[in-house]
Amino acid sequence: MKPSLSLVLMLVSTFYFASCSKIEDMSDNAVKASENSGRAADAAQESREEIAVGRMMSRSASASDSRRKALKAIPEQISFENKVTEASKYVKAFEFQVWTGQRYDSLAFLKQLYEDAMNEFFRGLVELNSGNELAQTGQSPFRLRSGSKNRDLNIFAVAVALHGEHILQEHVIAAKEEKSELISMYDLLKKALRSVQKVEMGEMYFQDLEEYEKVVYEYREQALDLLQARITMLLTMNLVKVSEIKNSKMEAILLKTPFKRSFYSQYPNKNLAQKYKLNEYLDAALKVKDFLQEIGIEPVIISDLRNYYGKMRFPHIKENQTEEEMDLLAEHKRLISEFF
């Protein structure tokens, strides 16, 4: 018996509408899945944003805590070497030193970190200098008054450690094309002082300065005093090592009364590692001297240093000196001659 046309049409209609219903259900499910996927993506993005912000906040807090501890530790140290160690921790703990360039760590944010660092840095110098600006006290490694010894050594330690760079910067440079050089507090001061000199000479407008450079301009005299202190102490550090001056731990590296007569430098008796280190001190001092002269500032070599170095003599060269030792001695003498 053949099915009637009406029965066939009914069956087809039933199948059609059932199929349409399934298709609609599938479509609805697809829409819901897409919406869920979108919400999941948004949640993941939000989570990444929160993680990025959290990391920056954590980094900022950690760096601030490290600086605060190091700044407090500098005056607590007795030996000058330990003061330099803490000062190095201090300058390396400014947040620009650990900038990564990831997500919110933009170049604009890096410049903000420079500005924040400079404001805090100069305030820290005043704190280390017993509430005084550097020019008010005139740091000297030859001072005998006990009340000023520690204060002066604090400033000298920061001056010597200025060039410190956090090792993280090397990894950032390798990964980020926009950051192509290591930057220390010393580098920022020099960059700013060069720009400030252009403003002073009428070659640049004040408003064209970077914000951190404006801060350095505000504290220009302190910045110059600090660089002067760097020269003074590096020359002193060399002098202590090549002379027969003895210092107690309480006096750290502060020198006593000047020599009354000439003396022989102990440099030829040092080992190679020591000779290279002493030449590094002198070379670093010379670089500061050259920079200051570049921006029109003539460095002042304090009279006590002139007195000491003026009485320094070098013994006759031993016959068993190697060529490397001879070259180091010649370089040592040349570096000294750049100052005296």
Protein backbone atom coordinates (compact mmCIF):
# COMPACT_ATOMS: atom_id res chain seq x y z
CA MET A 1 0.00 0.00 0.00
CA LYS A 2 1.48 3.29 -1.09
CA PRO A 3 1.61 6.13 1.48
CA SER A 4 -0.63 9.03 0.78
CA LEU A 5 0.81 12.35 -0.29
CA SER A 6 -0.41 14.00 2.89
CA LEU A 7 1.43 11.45 5.03
CA VAL A 8 4.65 12.00 3.11
CA LEU A 9 4.37 15.75 3.47
CA MET A 10 3.73 15.41 7.19
CA LEU A 11 6.79 13.23 7.68
CA VAL A 12 8.97 15.59 5.66
CA SER A 13 7.70 18.57 7.62
CA THR A 14 8.37 16.83 10.92
CA PHE A 15 11.92 15.97 9.88
CA TYR A 16 12.50 19.48 8.55
CA PHE A 17 11.35 21.25 11.67
CA ALA A 18 13.22 18.79 13.88
CA SER A 19 16.37 19.44 11.87
CA CYS A 20 15.86 23.19 12.06
CA SER A 21 15.42 22.92 15.80
CA LYS A 22 18.70 21.02 16.11
CA ILE A 23 20.46 23.52 13.89
CA GLU A 24 19.12 26.39 15.99
CA ASP A 25 20.27 24.60 19.14
CA MET A 26 23.70 24.10 17.62
CA SER A 27 23.80 27.75 16.60
CA ASP A 28 22.79 28.84 20.09
CA ASN A 29 25.44 26.60 21.58
CA ALA A 30 28.04 28.05 19.23
CA VAL A 31 27.07 31.59 20.21
CA LYS A 32 27.23 30.68 23.89
CA ALA A 33 30.60 28.99 23.39
CA SER A 34 31.88 32.07 21.58
CA GLU A 35 30.60 34.31 24.37
CA ASN A 36 32.18 32.05 26.98
CA SER A 37 35.42 32.04 25.02
CA GLY A 38 35.35 35.82 24.83
CA ARG A 39 34.71 36.09 28.54
CA ALA A 40 37.56 33.65 29.20
CA ALA A 41 39.86 35.68 26.95
CA ASP A 42 38.84 38.88 28.73
CA ALA A 43 39.42 37.22 32.09
CA ALA A 44 42.81 35.96 30.96
CA GLN A 45 43.73 39.42 29.67
CA GLU A 46 42.54 40.99 32.91
CA SER A 47 44.56 38.45 34.84
CA ARG A 48 47.67 39.26 32.80
CA GLU A 49 47.10 42.96 33.39
CA GLU A 50 46.75 42.38 37.12
CA ILE A 51 49.90 40.28 37.16
CA ALA A 52 51.83 42.94 35.23
CA VAL A 53 50.64 45.71 37.55
CA GLY A 54 51.29 43.52 40.58
CA ARG A 55 54.83 42.82 39.46
CA MET A 56 55.55 46.52 38.99
CA MET A 57 54.08 47.38 42.37
CA SER A 58 56.09 44.60 43.99
CA ARG A 59 59.25 45.72 42.20
CA SER A 60 58.72 49.31 43.23
CA ALA A 61 58.18 48.35 46.87
CA SER A 62 61.17 46.00 46.88
CA ALA A 63 63.49 48.60 45.31
CA SER A 64 62.31 51.26 47.74
CA ASP A 65 62.90 48.95 50.70
CA SER A 66 66.40 48.07 49.45
CA ARG A 67 67.30 51.76 49.07
CA ARG A 68 65.98 52.63 52.49
CA LYS A 69 67.98 49.85 54.14
CA ALA A 70 71.17 50.68 52.25
CA LEU A 71 70.88 54.42 52.94
CA LYS A 72 70.44 53.68 56.65
CA ALA A 73 73.37 51.24 56.62
CA ILE A 74 75.92 53.63 55.07
CA PRO A 75 76.51 55.76 58.20
CA GLU A 76 76.37 52.67 60.41
CA GLN A 77 79.51 51.18 58.83
CA ILE A 78 82.89 51.86 60.40
CA SER A 79 85.27 51.06 57.55
CA PHE A 80 85.17 53.08 54.36
CA GLU A 81 85.19 49.91 52.26
CA ASN A 82 81.95 48.76 53.90
CA LYS A 83 80.42 52.18 53.38
CA VAL A 84 81.19 51.90 49.66
CA THR A 85 79.58 48.45 49.60
CA GLU A 86 76.36 49.83 51.08
CA ALA A 87 76.50 52.90 48.83
CA SER A 88 76.80 50.60 45.82
CA LYS A 89 73.68 48.73 46.94
CA TYR A 90 71.95 52.08 47.33
CA VAL A 91 72.61 53.44 43.84
CA LYS A 92 71.81 50.08 42.22
CA ALA A 93 68.44 49.91 44.00
CA PHE A 94 66.85 52.86 42.19
CA GLU A 95 63.96 51.48 40.17
CA PHE A 96 65.27 52.65 36.79
CA GLN A 97 68.09 50.14 37.32
CA VAL A 98 65.61 47.24 37.19
CA TRP A 99 63.37 48.54 34.38
CA THR A 100 62.44 45.67 32.05
CA GLY A 101 60.53 47.27 29.17
CA GLN A 102 57.67 44.77 29.54
CA ARG A 103 54.02 45.83 29.17
CA TYR A 104 53.58 48.99 31.25
CA ASP A 105 57.36 49.47 31.54
CA SER A 106 57.40 51.95 28.66
CA LEU A 107 60.16 54.40 27.81
CA ALA A 108 57.91 57.17 29.12
CA PHE A 109 57.67 55.33 32.42
CA LEU A 110 61.47 54.91 32.46
CA LYS A 111 61.88 58.68 32.19
CA GLN A 112 59.49 59.08 35.10
CA LEU A 113 61.68 56.70 37.08
CA TYR A 114 64.70 58.88 36.24
CA GLU A 115 62.91 61.93 37.62
CA ASP A 116 61.81 60.14 40.78
CA ALA A 117 65.32 58.80 41.29
CA MET A 118 66.93 62.21 41.05
CA ASN A 119 64.53 63.82 43.50
CA GLU A 120 65.09 61.05 46.02
CA PHE A 121 68.84 60.88 45.42
CA PHE A 122 69.53 64.51 46.27
CA ARG A 123 67.31 64.31 49.35
CA GLY A 124 69.32 61.27 50.40
CA LEU A 125 72.58 63.19 50.06
CA VAL A 126 71.32 65.86 52.43
CA GLU A 127 70.29 63.14 54.90
CA LEU A 128 73.75 61.52 54.73
CA ASN A 129 75.33 64.94 55.19
CA SER A 130 73.57 65.53 58.50
CA GLY A 131 70.88 67.73 56.96
CA ASN A 132 73.30 69.99 55.10
CA GLU A 133 73.88 70.61 51.42
CA LEU A 134 77.33 69.49 50.30
CA ALA A 135 78.64 73.00 49.69
CA GLN A 136 77.86 73.93 53.29
CA THR A 137 80.30 71.40 54.74
CA GLY A 138 83.11 71.02 52.17
CA GLN A 139 84.06 67.34 52.39
CA SER A 140 87.71 66.48 53.05
CA PRO A 141 89.45 63.14 53.67
CA PHE A 142 92.02 64.97 55.80
CA ARG A 143 89.65 66.27 58.45
CA LEU A 144 90.46 65.37 62.04
CA ARG A 145 87.31 66.54 63.82
CA SER A 146 85.51 63.39 64.93
CA GLY A 147 82.08 64.93 64.47
CA SER A 148 82.56 65.32 60.71
CA LYS A 149 84.51 62.15 59.88
CA ASN A 150 81.54 59.85 59.44
CA ARG A 151 79.48 62.48 57.66
CA ASP A 152 82.23 63.14 55.10
CA LEU A 153 82.91 59.45 54.56
CA ASN A 154 79.21 58.86 53.84
CA ILE A 155 79.32 61.36 50.98
CA PHE A 156 82.65 60.07 49.68
CA ALA A 157 81.27 56.51 49.66
CA VAL A 158 78.30 57.52 47.49
CA ALA A 159 80.60 59.52 45.20
CA VAL A 160 82.89 56.52 44.70
CA ALA A 161 79.96 54.13 44.10
CA LEU A 162 78.06 56.40 41.68
CA HIS A 163 78.89 54.34 38.59
CA GLY A 164 77.19 51.18 39.90
CA GLU A 165 74.88 49.38 37.43
CA HIS A 166 72.40 46.63 38.29
CA ILE A 167 73.24 43.43 36.42
CA LEU A 168 69.61 43.14 35.23
CA GLN A 169 70.28 45.95 32.74
CA GLU A 170 72.52 43.67 30.69
CA HIS A 171 69.64 41.22 30.18
CA VAL A 172 67.25 44.03 29.24
CA ILE A 173 69.66 45.41 26.65
CA ALA A 174 69.97 41.98 25.07
CA ALA A 175 66.18 41.74 24.70
CA LYS A 176 65.13 45.34 24.00
CA GLU A 177 66.27 47.35 20.99
CA GLU A 178 64.97 50.59 22.51
CA LYS A 179 67.42 50.28 25.43
CA SER A 180 70.94 50.06 24.04
CA GLU A 181 73.17 51.17 26.90
CA LEU A 182 73.74 50.62 30.59
CA ILE A 183 72.68 53.60 32.69
CA SER A 184 73.99 54.44 36.15
CA MET A 185 73.29 57.37 38.45
CA TYR A 186 76.67 58.71 37.34
CA ASP A 187 75.59 58.55 33.68
CA LEU A 188 72.33 60.36 34.40
CA LEU A 189 74.14 63.13 36.25
CA LYS A 190 76.57 63.62 33.37
CA LYS A 191 73.82 63.61 30.72
CA ALA A 192 71.84 66.14 32.71
CA LEU A 193 74.80 68.41 33.44
CA ARG A 194 75.69 68.47 29.73
CA SER A 195 72.16 69.61 28.92
CA VAL A 196 72.21 72.13 31.76
CA GLN A 197 75.42 73.58 30.36
CA LYS A 198 73.70 74.06 26.99
CA VAL A 199 70.89 75.93 28.71
CA GLU A 200 73.42 78.08 30.55
CA MET A 201 75.14 78.86 27.23
CA GLY A 202 71.86 79.78 25.54
CA GLU A 203 72.07 76.78 23.21
CA MET A 204 68.95 75.14 24.60
CA TYR A 205 65.71 76.19 26.30
CA PHE A 206 65.00 75.14 29.87
CA GLN A 207 61.62 73.73 28.85
CA ASP A 208 63.38 71.40 26.40
CA LEU A 209 65.15 69.61 29.25
CA GLU A 210 63.96 66.18 30.32
CA GLU A 211 62.15 66.29 33.65
CA TYR A 212 64.99 64.53 35.46
CA GLU A 213 67.43 67.02 33.95
CA LYS A 214 65.39 69.87 35.44
CA VAL A 215 65.80 68.23 38.84
CA VAL A 216 69.58 68.04 38.36
CA TYR A 217 69.55 71.70 37.30
CA GLU A 218 67.82 72.54 40.58
CA TYR A 219 70.55 70.69 42.48
CA ARG A 220 73.36 71.58 40.09
CA GLU A 221 75.82 72.74 42.76
CA GLN A 222 75.34 69.58 44.80
CA ALA A 223 75.84 67.45 41.69
CA LEU A 224 79.10 69.25 40.90
CA ASP A 225 80.24 68.98 44.52
CA LEU A 226 79.57 65.25 44.43
CA LEU A 227 81.66 64.79 41.28
CA GLN A 228 84.41 66.86 42.88
CA ALA A 229 84.22 64.54 45.91
CA ARG A 230 84.57 61.55 43.57
CA ILE A 231 87.86 62.92 42.23
CA THR A 232 89.13 63.71 45.71
CA MET A 233 88.36 60.31 47.16
CA LEU A 234 89.63 58.25 44.22
CA LEU A 235 92.94 60.09 44.42
CA THR A 236 92.95 59.54 48.18
CA MET A 237 92.22 55.82 47.83
CA ASN A 238 95.25 55.45 45.60
CA LEU A 239 97.40 57.49 47.96
CA VAL A 240 96.49 55.38 50.99
CA LYS A 241 97.50 52.19 49.18
CA VAL A 242 100.87 53.45 47.93
CA SER A 243 101.96 55.28 51.07
CA GLU A 244 102.85 54.06 54.56
CA ILE A 245 99.97 55.86 56.23
CA LYS A 246 98.32 53.71 58.85
CA ASN A 247 94.68 54.21 59.74
CA SER A 248 92.68 52.87 62.62
CA LYS A 249 89.30 51.29 61.85
CA MET A 250 87.56 54.19 63.51
CA GLU A 251 89.26 56.65 61.19
CA ALA A 252 88.54 54.45 58.18
CA ILE A 253 90.36 56.03 55.27
CA LEU A 254 90.74 59.53 56.69
CA LEU A 255 94.36 60.63 56.51
CA LYS A 256 96.35 62.15 59.32
CA THR A 257 98.75 65.09 59.16
CA PRO A 258 100.62 65.56 55.87
CA PHE A 259 104.13 64.17 55.43
CA LYS A 260 106.91 66.55 56.36
CA ARG A 261 109.31 65.08 53.85
CA SER A 262 109.25 63.09 50.63
CA PHE A 263 108.42 59.40 50.57
CA TYR A 264 108.72 56.52 48.14
CA SER A 265 105.59 55.14 46.52
CA GLN A 266 104.84 51.52 47.33
CA TYR A 267 103.25 51.00 43.92
CA PRO A 268 106.18 49.00 42.46
CA ASN A 269 105.87 46.52 45.35
CA LYS A 270 102.20 45.74 44.69
CA ASN A 271 101.10 42.62 42.82
CA LEU A 272 99.59 42.88 39.34
CA ALA A 273 95.97 42.78 40.51
CA GLN A 274 96.63 45.59 42.98
CA LYS A 275 98.44 47.65 40.36
CA TYR A 276 95.55 47.37 37.93
CA LYS A 277 93.09 48.34 40.66
CA LEU A 278 95.10 51.43 41.65
CA ASN A 279 95.30 52.52 38.02
CA GLU A 280 91.53 52.09 37.79
CA TYR A 281 91.12 54.52 40.69
CA LEU A 282 93.26 57.12 38.95
CA ASP A 283 91.66 56.56 35.55
CA ALA A 284 88.17 56.95 37.03
CA ALA A 285 89.25 60.21 38.68
CA LEU A 286 90.68 61.44 35.39
CA LYS A 287 87.43 60.69 33.57
CA VAL A 288 85.55 62.91 36.04
CA LYS A 289 88.16 65.65 35.63
CA ASP A 290 87.83 65.49 31.83
CA PHE A 291 84.04 65.62 32.05
CA LEU A 292 84.00 68.65 34.34
CA GLN A 293 86.38 70.48 32.02
CA GLU A 294 84.13 69.53 29.10
CA ILE A 295 81.23 71.43 30.69
CA GLY A 296 83.40 74.39 31.62
CA ILE A 297 84.18 73.51 35.25
CA GLU A 298 87.79 73.40 36.42
CA PRO A 299 88.17 70.73 39.12
CA VAL A 300 89.76 71.79 42.38
CA ILE A 301 92.49 69.52 43.72
CA ILE A 302 92.56 70.16 47.46
CA SER A 303 95.84 71.43 48.91
CA ASP A 304 96.41 68.40 51.14
CA LEU A 305 96.38 66.10 48.12
CA ARG A 306 98.80 68.37 46.29
CA ASN A 307 101.04 68.29 49.34
CA TYR A 308 101.02 64.49 49.57
CA TYR A 309 101.46 63.77 45.88
CA GLY A 310 104.06 66.52 45.59
CA LYS A 311 106.26 64.63 48.04
CA MET A 312 105.81 61.25 46.37
CA ARG A 313 108.88 59.70 44.74
CA PHE A 314 109.27 56.45 42.84
CA PRO A 315 112.14 54.08 43.68
CA HIS A 316 114.55 52.78 41.06
CA ILE A 317 113.00 50.09 38.92
CA LYS A 318 114.00 46.54 39.84
CA GLU A 319 115.74 44.50 37.17
CA ASN A 320 113.27 41.62 37.47
CA GLN A 321 110.24 43.76 36.53
CA THR A 322 108.21 42.26 33.67
CA GLU A 323 107.16 44.25 30.62
CA GLU A 324 103.58 44.30 31.90
CA GLU A 325 104.71 45.71 35.23
CA MET A 326 106.78 48.34 33.46
CA ASP A 327 103.78 49.37 31.36
CA LEU A 328 101.56 49.58 34.43
CA LEU A 329 104.08 51.75 36.27
CA ALA A 330 104.39 54.07 33.27
CA GLU A 331 100.60 54.36 33.09
CA HIS A 332 100.41 54.97 36.84
CA LYS A 333 102.88 57.85 36.58
CA ARG A 334 101.08 59.28 33.55
CA LEU A 335 97.73 59.28 35.34
CA ILE A 336 99.21 61.04 38.36
CA SER A 337 100.82 63.63 36.10
CA GLU A 338 97.35 64.54 34.78
CA PHE A 339 96.58 65.99 38.21
CA PHE A 340 99.88 67.09 39.74
